[in-house]
């Protein structure tokens, strides 16, 4: 059985462009494979709390040193990591917030990127402990991306590639949904680009 984990990082509910695009993608995938299991982690509607002192202290301890309070402090992190690790594919739908990922997604990453659990430090640097799997990111942008002169810079894509590589996941691609606040003509071009991408994703994942 194939499992898709959909991580939603928009707080706009049904008005979210990235959520709408992801839901359309999921519907198309299910049409082609009705046995597909879809798990939603809706950080926009049900955000995880930002890591606190207890979590940080427990995460830095060796397993043999942890007691019940430390294991309890790590319970959410363990659940989120297990959810990610059980997925064959991951779809992440999010807006770009002030040039970066939304804070709810950053909190999720802070629980998932954990020393000794999803990566370890060696003489050669950080080594990821999770198996690789495809992650596809639908990122909504009000304007156009560019080099800072022709459009706003994209800090999200290199950040996500680096942070997921840290835990062992390198098959990551970002589809910017650009110009969503630039009128009907620009939105139609973005929709066409998305439809082509979605067709390719169906062929890639379900063949």
N, C-alpha and C. Protein backbone atom coordinates (compact mmCIF):
# COMPACT_ATOMS: atom_id res chain seq x y z
N UNK A 1 0.84 -1.19 0.00
CA UNK A 1 0.00 0.00 0.00
C UNK A 1 0.88 1.25 0.00
N UNK A 2 0.55 2.21 -0.85
CA UNK A 2 1.32 3.43 -0.99
C UNK A 2 0.73 4.52 -0.11
N UNK A 3 1.59 5.26 0.59
CA UNK A 3 1.14 6.30 1.50
C UNK A 3 1.70 7.65 1.10
N UNK A 4 0.81 8.63 1.03
CA UNK A 4 1.18 10.01 0.75
C UNK A 4 0.92 10.84 2.00
N UNK A 5 1.92 11.54 2.46
CA UNK A 5 1.78 12.48 3.57
C UNK A 5 1.67 13.89 3.00
N UNK A 6 0.55 14.55 3.29
CA UNK A 6 0.33 15.93 2.84
C UNK A 6 0.48 16.85 4.04
N UNK A 7 1.49 17.67 4.01
CA UNK A 7 1.74 18.64 5.08
C UNK A 7 1.25 19.99 4.61
N UNK A 8 0.28 20.56 5.32
CA UNK A 8 -0.34 21.83 4.94
C UNK A 8 0.16 22.91 5.88
N UNK A 9 0.71 23.97 5.32
CA UNK A 9 1.30 25.02 6.15
C UNK A 9 0.69 26.39 5.86
N UNK A 10 -0.54 26.41 5.39
CA UNK A 10 -1.24 27.67 5.15
C UNK A 10 -2.38 27.81 6.15
N UNK A 11 -2.53 29.02 6.71
CA UNK A 11 -3.58 29.27 7.69
C UNK A 11 -4.85 29.83 7.05
N UNK A 12 -4.91 29.88 5.72
CA UNK A 12 -6.04 30.53 5.04
C UNK A 12 -7.19 29.58 4.72
N UNK A 13 -7.11 28.34 5.17
CA UNK A 13 -8.20 27.41 4.93
C UNK A 13 -8.48 27.22 3.46
N UNK A 14 -9.78 27.25 3.10
CA UNK A 14 -10.18 27.03 1.72
C UNK A 14 -9.77 28.13 0.76
N UNK A 15 -9.34 29.28 1.27
CA UNK A 15 -8.89 30.37 0.42
C UNK A 15 -7.43 30.21 -0.02
N UNK A 16 -6.75 29.26 0.56
CA UNK A 16 -5.33 29.07 0.29
C UNK A 16 -5.09 28.51 -1.11
N UNK A 17 -4.31 29.21 -1.90
CA UNK A 17 -3.98 28.74 -3.26
C UNK A 17 -3.16 27.45 -3.20
N UNK A 18 -2.20 27.39 -2.29
CA UNK A 18 -1.35 26.20 -2.22
C UNK A 18 -2.16 24.99 -1.78
N UNK A 19 -3.09 25.18 -0.84
CA UNK A 19 -3.95 24.08 -0.38
C UNK A 19 -4.86 23.60 -1.52
N UNK A 20 -5.43 24.53 -2.24
CA UNK A 20 -6.30 24.16 -3.36
C UNK A 20 -5.53 23.35 -4.41
N UNK A 21 -4.32 23.80 -4.72
CA UNK A 21 -3.50 23.09 -5.71
C UNK A 21 -3.15 21.69 -5.23
N UNK A 22 -2.80 21.58 -3.95
CA UNK A 22 -2.43 20.28 -3.40
C UNK A 22 -3.63 19.34 -3.37
N UNK A 23 -4.78 19.86 -3.00
CA UNK A 23 -5.98 19.02 -2.96
C UNK A 23 -6.36 18.55 -4.36
N UNK A 24 -6.20 19.41 -5.36
CA UNK A 24 -6.46 18.99 -6.74
C UNK A 24 -5.49 17.89 -7.16
N UNK A 25 -4.24 18.02 -6.74
CA UNK A 25 -3.23 17.00 -7.05
C UNK A 25 -3.58 15.67 -6.39
N UNK A 26 -3.98 15.73 -5.13
CA UNK A 26 -4.33 14.51 -4.41
C UNK A 26 -5.53 13.83 -5.07
N UNK A 27 -6.53 14.62 -5.46
CA UNK A 27 -7.70 14.02 -6.14
C UNK A 27 -7.28 13.30 -7.41
N UNK A 28 -6.38 13.91 -8.17
CA UNK A 28 -5.94 13.28 -9.41
C UNK A 28 -5.16 11.99 -9.13
N UNK A 29 -4.34 12.01 -8.10
CA UNK A 29 -3.59 10.81 -7.74
C UNK A 29 -4.53 9.68 -7.31
N UNK A 30 -5.55 10.03 -6.54
CA UNK A 30 -6.50 9.00 -6.07
C UNK A 30 -7.32 8.45 -7.23
N UNK A 31 -7.66 9.31 -8.20
CA UNK A 31 -8.38 8.82 -9.37
C UNK A 31 -7.58 7.75 -10.10
N UNK A 32 -6.26 7.93 -10.13
CA UNK A 32 -5.42 6.96 -10.83
C UNK A 32 -5.07 5.76 -9.96
N UNK A 33 -5.08 5.96 -8.65
CA UNK A 33 -4.77 4.86 -7.74
C UNK A 33 -5.68 4.95 -6.52
N UNK A 34 -6.88 4.34 -6.58
CA UNK A 34 -7.83 4.42 -5.47
C UNK A 34 -7.32 3.79 -4.18
N UNK A 35 -6.25 3.01 -4.24
CA UNK A 35 -5.71 2.39 -3.02
C UNK A 35 -4.75 3.31 -2.29
N UNK A 36 -4.47 4.47 -2.86
CA UNK A 36 -3.53 5.40 -2.24
C UNK A 36 -4.06 5.84 -0.87
N UNK A 37 -3.21 5.73 0.15
CA UNK A 37 -3.53 6.21 1.49
C UNK A 37 -2.97 7.61 1.66
N UNK A 38 -3.84 8.56 2.03
CA UNK A 38 -3.43 9.95 2.20
C UNK A 38 -3.55 10.34 3.67
N UNK A 39 -2.45 10.82 4.24
CA UNK A 39 -2.43 11.30 5.61
C UNK A 39 -2.18 12.81 5.58
N UNK A 40 -3.06 13.56 6.25
CA UNK A 40 -2.91 15.02 6.30
C UNK A 40 -2.36 15.45 7.65
N UNK A 41 -1.37 16.31 7.59
CA UNK A 41 -0.87 16.99 8.79
C UNK A 41 -1.10 18.48 8.54
N UNK A 42 -2.22 18.99 9.07
CA UNK A 42 -2.64 20.36 8.78
C UNK A 42 -2.08 21.31 9.83
N UNK A 43 -0.91 21.83 9.55
CA UNK A 43 -0.25 22.75 10.47
C UNK A 43 -0.91 24.12 10.45
N UNK A 44 -1.61 24.45 9.36
CA UNK A 44 -2.28 25.73 9.29
C UNK A 44 -3.45 25.83 10.24
N UNK A 45 -4.24 24.75 10.31
CA UNK A 45 -5.41 24.73 11.19
C UNK A 45 -5.07 24.24 12.59
N UNK A 46 -4.13 23.31 12.69
CA UNK A 46 -3.74 22.76 13.98
C UNK A 46 -2.21 22.82 14.09
N UNK A 47 -1.68 23.99 14.38
CA UNK A 47 -0.21 24.13 14.44
C UNK A 47 0.37 23.40 15.64
N UNK A 48 1.58 22.93 15.47
CA UNK A 48 2.31 22.35 16.61
C UNK A 48 2.94 23.50 17.38
N UNK A 49 3.07 23.32 18.69
CA UNK A 49 3.71 24.35 19.51
C UNK A 49 5.19 24.43 19.16
N UNK A 50 5.75 25.60 19.31
CA UNK A 50 7.18 25.73 19.08
C UNK A 50 7.95 24.96 20.16
N UNK A 51 9.07 24.35 19.80
CA UNK A 51 9.84 23.59 20.78
C UNK A 51 10.17 24.42 22.02
N UNK A 52 10.01 23.79 23.19
CA UNK A 52 10.27 24.48 24.44
C UNK A 52 11.54 23.96 25.10
N UNK A 53 11.82 24.46 26.29
CA UNK A 53 13.03 24.10 27.02
C UNK A 53 13.12 22.59 27.26
N UNK A 54 11.98 21.98 27.67
CA UNK A 54 11.98 20.56 27.99
C UNK A 54 12.34 19.72 26.76
N UNK A 55 11.78 20.09 25.61
CA UNK A 55 12.09 19.35 24.39
C UNK A 55 13.57 19.48 24.03
N UNK A 56 14.08 20.70 24.08
CA UNK A 56 15.47 20.91 23.69
C UNK A 56 16.42 20.16 24.61
N UNK A 57 16.16 20.23 25.90
CA UNK A 57 17.02 19.53 26.84
C UNK A 57 16.98 18.02 26.62
N UNK A 58 15.77 17.49 26.43
CA UNK A 58 15.63 16.04 26.22
C UNK A 58 16.28 15.60 24.92
N UNK A 59 16.17 16.43 23.88
CA UNK A 59 16.72 16.04 22.58
C UNK A 59 18.25 16.01 22.59
N UNK A 60 18.85 16.75 23.51
CA UNK A 60 20.31 16.80 23.58
C UNK A 60 20.89 15.72 24.51
N UNK A 61 20.02 15.00 25.20
CA UNK A 61 20.48 13.95 26.11
C UNK A 61 20.65 12.63 25.36
N UNK A 62 21.51 11.78 25.87
CA UNK A 62 21.60 10.42 25.34
C UNK A 62 20.40 9.62 25.80
N UNK A 63 20.01 8.64 24.99
CA UNK A 63 18.82 7.85 25.30
C UNK A 63 18.92 7.21 26.67
N UNK A 64 20.10 6.72 27.02
CA UNK A 64 20.25 6.04 28.31
C UNK A 64 20.05 6.99 29.49
N UNK A 65 20.19 8.29 29.27
CA UNK A 65 20.05 9.27 30.33
C UNK A 65 18.62 9.76 30.50
N UNK A 66 17.74 9.44 29.56
CA UNK A 66 16.38 9.97 29.58
C UNK A 66 15.47 9.16 30.50
N UNK A 67 14.64 9.88 31.23
CA UNK A 67 13.61 9.26 32.03
C UNK A 67 12.26 9.51 31.40
N UNK A 68 11.20 9.23 32.14
CA UNK A 68 9.86 9.41 31.61
C UNK A 68 9.57 10.87 31.24
N UNK A 69 9.98 11.87 32.04
CA UNK A 69 9.72 13.26 31.63
C UNK A 69 10.38 13.62 30.30
N UNK A 70 11.58 13.12 30.08
CA UNK A 70 12.27 13.43 28.82
C UNK A 70 11.60 12.72 27.64
N UNK A 71 11.20 11.46 27.86
CA UNK A 71 10.52 10.73 26.78
C UNK A 71 9.18 11.39 26.45
N UNK A 72 8.51 11.90 27.47
CA UNK A 72 7.24 12.60 27.23
C UNK A 72 7.48 13.88 26.44
N UNK A 73 8.57 14.57 26.74
CA UNK A 73 8.90 15.81 26.02
C UNK A 73 9.22 15.56 24.56
N UNK A 74 9.65 14.34 24.24
CA UNK A 74 10.01 13.97 22.87
C UNK A 74 8.89 13.26 22.13
N UNK A 75 7.75 13.06 22.79
CA UNK A 75 6.68 12.24 22.20
C UNK A 75 6.15 12.84 20.90
N UNK A 76 5.91 14.15 20.87
CA UNK A 76 5.41 14.77 19.65
C UNK A 76 6.44 14.65 18.53
N UNK A 77 7.68 14.91 18.83
CA UNK A 77 8.74 14.77 17.84
C UNK A 77 8.79 13.36 17.27
N UNK A 78 8.71 12.36 18.15
CA UNK A 78 8.72 10.97 17.69
C UNK A 78 7.53 10.68 16.77
N UNK A 79 6.36 11.21 17.13
CA UNK A 79 5.16 10.96 16.32
C UNK A 79 5.30 11.60 14.93
N UNK A 80 5.80 12.82 14.88
CA UNK A 80 5.96 13.50 13.59
C UNK A 80 7.02 12.82 12.73
N UNK A 81 8.09 12.38 13.35
CA UNK A 81 9.14 11.67 12.61
C UNK A 81 8.62 10.34 12.07
N UNK A 82 7.89 9.60 12.91
CA UNK A 82 7.33 8.32 12.47
C UNK A 82 6.35 8.52 11.31
N UNK A 83 5.56 9.58 11.38
CA UNK A 83 4.60 9.89 10.32
C UNK A 83 5.31 10.17 9.00
N UNK A 84 6.38 10.95 9.09
CA UNK A 84 7.17 11.24 7.90
C UNK A 84 7.85 9.98 7.37
N UNK A 85 8.43 9.20 8.25
CA UNK A 85 9.20 8.04 7.82
C UNK A 85 8.33 6.95 7.23
N UNK A 86 7.04 6.93 7.59
CA UNK A 86 6.13 5.91 7.06
C UNK A 86 5.63 6.26 5.66
N UNK A 87 5.82 7.50 5.23
CA UNK A 87 5.29 7.95 3.95
C UNK A 87 6.20 7.55 2.79
N UNK A 88 5.58 7.13 1.69
CA UNK A 88 6.33 6.84 0.47
C UNK A 88 6.58 8.13 -0.32
N UNK A 89 5.62 9.05 -0.26
CA UNK A 89 5.72 10.34 -0.92
C UNK A 89 5.26 11.41 0.05
N UNK A 90 5.78 12.61 -0.12
CA UNK A 90 5.39 13.74 0.73
C UNK A 90 5.05 14.92 -0.17
N UNK A 91 3.90 15.54 0.10
CA UNK A 91 3.54 16.78 -0.56
C UNK A 91 3.43 17.87 0.50
N UNK A 92 4.05 18.98 0.24
CA UNK A 92 4.06 20.09 1.19
C UNK A 92 3.44 21.30 0.49
N UNK A 93 2.33 21.79 1.02
CA UNK A 93 1.68 22.97 0.43
C UNK A 93 1.79 24.14 1.39
N UNK A 94 2.27 25.27 0.87
CA UNK A 94 2.60 26.39 1.75
C UNK A 94 2.67 27.70 0.98
N UNK A 95 2.44 28.80 1.65
CA UNK A 95 2.74 30.10 1.05
C UNK A 95 4.18 30.49 1.39
N UNK A 96 4.72 31.42 0.63
CA UNK A 96 5.97 32.05 1.04
C UNK A 96 5.60 33.21 1.96
N UNK A 97 6.12 33.18 3.17
CA UNK A 97 5.84 34.23 4.15
C UNK A 97 7.10 35.07 4.38
N UNK A 98 7.05 36.32 3.95
CA UNK A 98 8.19 37.21 4.18
C UNK A 98 9.51 36.57 3.74
N UNK A 99 9.47 36.00 2.53
CA UNK A 99 10.63 35.41 1.85
C UNK A 99 11.04 34.05 2.40
N UNK A 100 10.30 33.48 3.35
CA UNK A 100 10.72 32.23 3.97
C UNK A 100 9.50 31.35 4.23
N UNK A 101 9.74 30.17 4.81
CA UNK A 101 8.65 29.25 5.12
C UNK A 101 7.81 29.82 6.26
N UNK A 102 6.52 29.48 6.35
CA UNK A 102 5.71 29.91 7.48
C UNK A 102 6.28 29.37 8.80
N UNK A 103 6.03 30.08 9.88
CA UNK A 103 6.60 29.68 11.17
C UNK A 103 6.08 28.32 11.63
N UNK A 104 4.84 27.96 11.22
CA UNK A 104 4.31 26.66 11.64
C UNK A 104 5.11 25.52 11.01
N UNK A 105 5.58 25.74 9.78
CA UNK A 105 6.41 24.72 9.13
C UNK A 105 7.79 24.67 9.77
N UNK A 106 8.33 25.82 10.12
CA UNK A 106 9.63 25.85 10.80
C UNK A 106 9.55 25.10 12.13
N UNK A 107 8.44 25.25 12.87
CA UNK A 107 8.27 24.51 14.13
C UNK A 107 8.25 23.01 13.86
N UNK A 108 7.53 22.59 12.82
CA UNK A 108 7.47 21.17 12.46
C UNK A 108 8.87 20.65 12.14
N UNK A 109 9.62 21.41 11.38
CA UNK A 109 10.99 21.01 11.04
C UNK A 109 11.86 20.90 12.28
N UNK A 110 11.66 21.80 13.24
CA UNK A 110 12.48 21.77 14.45
C UNK A 110 12.23 20.50 15.27
N UNK A 111 11.04 19.92 15.13
CA UNK A 111 10.77 18.63 15.79
C UNK A 111 11.32 17.45 14.99
N UNK A 112 11.35 17.60 13.68
CA UNK A 112 11.71 16.48 12.81
C UNK A 112 13.23 16.37 12.62
N UNK A 113 13.91 17.50 12.54
CA UNK A 113 15.36 17.49 12.36
C UNK A 113 15.98 17.39 13.75
N UNK A 114 16.30 16.16 14.15
CA UNK A 114 16.69 15.90 15.55
C UNK A 114 17.94 15.03 15.62
N UNK A 115 18.92 15.55 16.32
CA UNK A 115 20.18 14.84 16.47
C UNK A 115 19.98 13.47 17.11
N UNK A 116 20.58 12.45 16.51
CA UNK A 116 20.49 11.09 17.02
C UNK A 116 19.25 10.36 16.59
N UNK A 117 18.27 11.08 16.05
CA UNK A 117 17.01 10.45 15.63
C UNK A 117 16.85 10.49 14.12
N UNK A 118 17.09 11.64 13.50
CA UNK A 118 16.99 11.74 12.05
C UNK A 118 18.31 12.13 11.39
N UNK A 119 19.29 12.53 12.17
CA UNK A 119 20.63 12.74 11.64
C UNK A 119 21.66 12.53 12.74
N UNK A 120 22.86 12.26 12.33
CA UNK A 120 23.95 12.13 13.28
C UNK A 120 25.15 12.96 12.79
N UNK A 121 26.01 13.32 13.71
CA UNK A 121 27.19 14.11 13.38
C UNK A 121 28.40 13.19 13.34
N UNK A 122 29.12 13.23 12.23
CA UNK A 122 30.31 12.41 12.06
C UNK A 122 31.50 13.33 11.74
N UNK A 123 32.65 12.73 11.61
CA UNK A 123 33.84 13.51 11.25
C UNK A 123 33.69 14.16 9.89
N UNK A 124 32.86 13.56 9.05
CA UNK A 124 32.64 14.11 7.71
C UNK A 124 31.48 15.10 7.66
N UNK A 125 30.83 15.34 8.80
CA UNK A 125 29.70 16.25 8.83
C UNK A 125 28.41 15.53 9.20
N UNK A 126 27.28 16.18 8.99
CA UNK A 126 25.98 15.62 9.32
C UNK A 126 25.58 14.54 8.32
N UNK A 127 25.05 13.44 8.82
CA UNK A 127 24.60 12.32 7.98
C UNK A 127 23.15 12.03 8.31
N UNK A 128 22.29 12.03 7.30
CA UNK A 128 20.88 11.77 7.51
C UNK A 128 20.61 10.30 7.81
N UNK A 129 19.60 10.06 8.64
CA UNK A 129 19.26 8.71 9.06
C UNK A 129 17.95 8.20 8.45
N UNK A 130 17.21 9.06 7.75
CA UNK A 130 15.97 8.62 7.11
C UNK A 130 16.24 8.19 5.68
N UNK A 131 15.41 7.29 5.18
CA UNK A 131 15.54 6.88 3.79
C UNK A 131 15.03 7.99 2.89
N UNK A 132 15.56 8.05 1.70
CA UNK A 132 15.15 9.07 0.74
C UNK A 132 13.76 8.73 0.21
N UNK A 133 13.01 9.76 -0.15
CA UNK A 133 11.70 9.60 -0.77
C UNK A 133 11.36 10.93 -1.45
N UNK A 134 10.44 10.94 -2.43
CA UNK A 134 10.13 12.19 -3.11
C UNK A 134 9.35 13.15 -2.20
N UNK A 135 9.79 14.40 -2.18
CA UNK A 135 9.04 15.48 -1.55
C UNK A 135 8.78 16.54 -2.62
N UNK A 136 7.51 16.87 -2.79
CA UNK A 136 7.15 17.91 -3.76
C UNK A 136 6.45 19.04 -3.01
N UNK A 137 6.91 20.26 -3.27
CA UNK A 137 6.46 21.44 -2.54
C UNK A 137 5.69 22.36 -3.48
N UNK A 138 4.46 22.68 -3.09
CA UNK A 138 3.67 23.67 -3.80
C UNK A 138 3.73 24.96 -3.00
N UNK A 139 4.38 25.97 -3.56
CA UNK A 139 4.65 27.21 -2.83
C UNK A 139 3.94 28.38 -3.50
N UNK A 140 2.97 28.96 -2.81
CA UNK A 140 2.20 30.07 -3.35
C UNK A 140 2.93 31.39 -3.15
N UNK A 141 2.99 32.19 -4.21
CA UNK A 141 3.67 33.49 -4.17
C UNK A 141 2.75 34.54 -4.81
N UNK A 142 2.62 35.68 -4.15
CA UNK A 142 1.78 36.73 -4.70
C UNK A 142 2.37 37.34 -5.96
N UNK A 143 3.69 37.42 -6.02
CA UNK A 143 4.37 38.00 -7.18
C UNK A 143 5.25 36.98 -7.88
N UNK A 144 6.27 37.49 -8.55
CA UNK A 144 7.17 36.63 -9.32
C UNK A 144 8.48 36.47 -8.58
N UNK A 145 9.09 35.31 -8.74
CA UNK A 145 10.41 35.06 -8.17
C UNK A 145 11.49 35.46 -9.17
N UNK A 146 12.65 35.81 -8.64
CA UNK A 146 13.74 36.19 -9.52
C UNK A 146 15.03 36.32 -8.75
N UNK A 147 15.89 37.18 -9.24
CA UNK A 147 17.20 37.35 -8.62
C UNK A 147 17.25 38.52 -7.66
N UNK A 148 16.09 39.07 -7.33
CA UNK A 148 16.06 40.24 -6.46
C UNK A 148 15.97 41.53 -7.25
N UNK A 149 16.28 41.47 -8.55
CA UNK A 149 16.17 42.63 -9.43
C UNK A 149 14.92 42.51 -10.30
N UNK A 150 14.71 41.32 -10.85
CA UNK A 150 13.55 41.09 -11.69
C UNK A 150 12.38 40.49 -10.92
N UNK A 151 12.57 40.12 -9.69
CA UNK A 151 11.52 39.54 -8.86
C UNK A 151 12.07 39.30 -7.47
N UNK A 152 11.22 38.81 -6.57
CA UNK A 152 11.70 38.60 -5.20
C UNK A 152 12.57 37.35 -5.13
N UNK A 153 13.63 37.37 -4.32
CA UNK A 153 14.52 36.21 -4.22
C UNK A 153 13.82 35.03 -3.56
N UNK A 154 14.22 33.84 -3.93
CA UNK A 154 13.67 32.60 -3.37
C UNK A 154 14.69 32.02 -2.39
N UNK A 155 14.46 32.26 -1.10
CA UNK A 155 15.29 31.65 -0.07
C UNK A 155 14.72 30.31 0.39
N UNK A 156 13.46 30.05 0.04
CA UNK A 156 12.77 28.85 0.52
C UNK A 156 13.36 27.58 -0.08
N UNK A 157 13.52 27.57 -1.40
CA UNK A 157 13.97 26.34 -2.07
C UNK A 157 15.33 25.86 -1.57
N UNK A 158 16.36 26.71 -1.55
CA UNK A 158 17.65 26.21 -1.03
C UNK A 158 17.59 25.81 0.44
N UNK A 159 16.78 26.51 1.22
CA UNK A 159 16.65 26.15 2.63
C UNK A 159 16.03 24.76 2.79
N UNK A 160 14.91 24.52 2.09
CA UNK A 160 14.25 23.22 2.21
C UNK A 160 15.15 22.09 1.69
N UNK A 161 15.84 22.33 0.61
CA UNK A 161 16.74 21.30 0.08
C UNK A 161 17.83 20.95 1.09
N UNK A 162 18.37 21.97 1.73
CA UNK A 162 19.46 21.72 2.68
C UNK A 162 18.96 21.02 3.93
N UNK A 163 17.83 21.49 4.47
CA UNK A 163 17.36 20.94 5.74
C UNK A 163 16.87 19.50 5.57
N UNK A 164 16.21 19.19 4.45
CA UNK A 164 15.78 17.81 4.24
C UNK A 164 16.96 16.90 3.90
N UNK A 165 17.95 17.44 3.20
CA UNK A 165 19.16 16.65 2.93
C UNK A 165 19.85 16.27 4.24
N UNK A 166 19.78 17.14 5.23
CA UNK A 166 20.39 16.87 6.53
C UNK A 166 19.85 15.59 7.15
N UNK A 167 18.57 15.28 6.91
CA UNK A 167 17.98 14.07 7.50
C UNK A 167 17.92 12.92 6.50
N UNK A 168 18.49 13.10 5.32
CA UNK A 168 18.62 11.99 4.37
C UNK A 168 17.72 12.05 3.16
N UNK A 169 16.94 13.12 3.01
CA UNK A 169 15.99 13.21 1.90
C UNK A 169 16.50 14.23 0.89
N UNK A 170 16.83 13.74 -0.30
CA UNK A 170 17.40 14.61 -1.33
C UNK A 170 16.49 14.80 -2.54
N UNK A 171 15.46 13.95 -2.67
CA UNK A 171 14.56 14.03 -3.83
C UNK A 171 13.47 15.07 -3.53
N UNK A 172 13.85 16.33 -3.61
CA UNK A 172 12.93 17.42 -3.29
C UNK A 172 12.86 18.41 -4.44
N UNK A 173 11.64 18.76 -4.84
CA UNK A 173 11.42 19.75 -5.88
C UNK A 173 10.35 20.73 -5.41
N UNK A 174 10.53 21.99 -5.79
CA UNK A 174 9.59 23.04 -5.42
C UNK A 174 8.94 23.59 -6.68
N UNK A 175 7.59 23.63 -6.68
CA UNK A 175 6.86 24.27 -7.78
C UNK A 175 6.32 25.60 -7.27
N UNK A 176 6.89 26.72 -7.71
CA UNK A 176 6.35 28.01 -7.30
C UNK A 176 5.04 28.30 -8.04
N UNK A 177 4.01 28.65 -7.29
CA UNK A 177 2.75 29.11 -7.87
C UNK A 177 2.82 30.64 -7.83
N UNK A 178 3.36 31.21 -8.90
CA UNK A 178 3.73 32.62 -8.89
C UNK A 178 2.59 33.52 -9.38
N UNK A 179 2.73 34.81 -9.07
CA UNK A 179 1.87 35.87 -9.60
C UNK A 179 0.39 35.70 -9.26
N UNK A 180 0.10 35.16 -8.10
CA UNK A 180 -1.29 34.90 -7.72
C UNK A 180 -2.04 36.18 -7.38
N UNK A 181 -1.32 37.27 -7.20
CA UNK A 181 -1.97 38.57 -6.95
C UNK A 181 -1.71 39.54 -8.10
N UNK A 182 -1.46 38.99 -9.30
CA UNK A 182 -1.09 39.82 -10.44
C UNK A 182 -2.12 39.77 -11.56
N UNK A 183 -3.36 39.44 -11.23
CA UNK A 183 -4.42 39.49 -12.23
C UNK A 183 -4.70 38.17 -12.91
N UNK A 184 -5.83 38.15 -13.67
CA UNK A 184 -6.34 36.91 -14.26
C UNK A 184 -5.40 36.30 -15.28
N UNK A 185 -4.75 37.14 -16.09
CA UNK A 185 -3.86 36.61 -17.14
C UNK A 185 -2.68 35.88 -16.52
N UNK A 186 -2.07 36.49 -15.50
CA UNK A 186 -0.93 35.86 -14.83
C UNK A 186 -1.36 34.59 -14.10
N UNK A 187 -2.53 34.63 -13.48
CA UNK A 187 -3.03 33.45 -12.78
C UNK A 187 -3.31 32.30 -13.75
N UNK A 188 -3.82 32.62 -14.93
CA UNK A 188 -4.10 31.57 -15.92
C UNK A 188 -2.81 30.91 -16.37
N UNK A 189 -1.74 31.69 -16.53
CA UNK A 189 -0.45 31.11 -16.91
C UNK A 189 0.07 30.20 -15.81
N UNK A 190 -0.10 30.60 -14.56
CA UNK A 190 0.32 29.76 -13.43
C UNK A 190 -0.50 28.48 -13.38
N UNK A 191 -1.80 28.58 -13.65
CA UNK A 191 -2.66 27.39 -13.65
C UNK A 191 -2.23 26.40 -14.73
N UNK A 192 -1.88 26.92 -15.89
CA UNK A 192 -1.42 26.04 -16.98
C UNK A 192 -0.12 25.33 -16.59
N UNK A 193 0.78 26.08 -15.97
CA UNK A 193 2.04 25.50 -15.53
C UNK A 193 1.80 24.43 -14.48
N UNK A 194 0.86 24.69 -13.57
CA UNK A 194 0.53 23.71 -12.53
C UNK A 194 -0.09 22.45 -13.14
N UNK A 195 -1.00 22.60 -14.09
CA UNK A 195 -1.64 21.44 -14.71
C UNK A 195 -0.62 20.54 -15.38
N UNK A 196 0.35 21.13 -16.07
CA UNK A 196 1.40 20.34 -16.71
C UNK A 196 2.22 19.60 -15.66
N UNK A 197 2.57 20.30 -14.58
CA UNK A 197 3.33 19.69 -13.49
C UNK A 197 2.55 18.53 -12.87
N UNK A 198 1.27 18.75 -12.65
CA UNK A 198 0.44 17.72 -12.01
C UNK A 198 0.35 16.47 -12.87
N UNK A 199 0.22 16.64 -14.18
CA UNK A 199 0.20 15.49 -15.09
C UNK A 199 1.51 14.71 -14.99
N UNK A 200 2.61 15.42 -14.95
CA UNK A 200 3.90 14.76 -14.84
C UNK A 200 4.08 14.05 -13.52
N UNK A 201 3.56 14.65 -12.44
CA UNK A 201 3.67 14.02 -11.13
C UNK A 201 2.90 12.71 -11.07
N UNK A 202 1.72 12.69 -11.65
CA UNK A 202 0.93 11.46 -11.67
C UNK A 202 1.68 10.34 -12.37
N UNK A 203 2.31 10.68 -13.48
CA UNK A 203 3.07 9.66 -14.21
C UNK A 203 4.28 9.21 -13.44
N UNK A 204 4.93 10.13 -12.76
CA UNK A 204 6.16 9.83 -12.03
C UNK A 204 5.89 8.95 -10.82
N UNK A 205 4.86 9.28 -10.05
CA UNK A 205 4.62 8.60 -8.77
C UNK A 205 3.85 7.29 -8.91
N UNK A 206 3.00 7.20 -9.92
CA UNK A 206 2.07 6.06 -9.96
C UNK A 206 2.34 5.11 -11.11
N UNK A 207 3.55 5.15 -11.67
CA UNK A 207 3.88 4.20 -12.72
C UNK A 207 4.95 3.24 -12.22
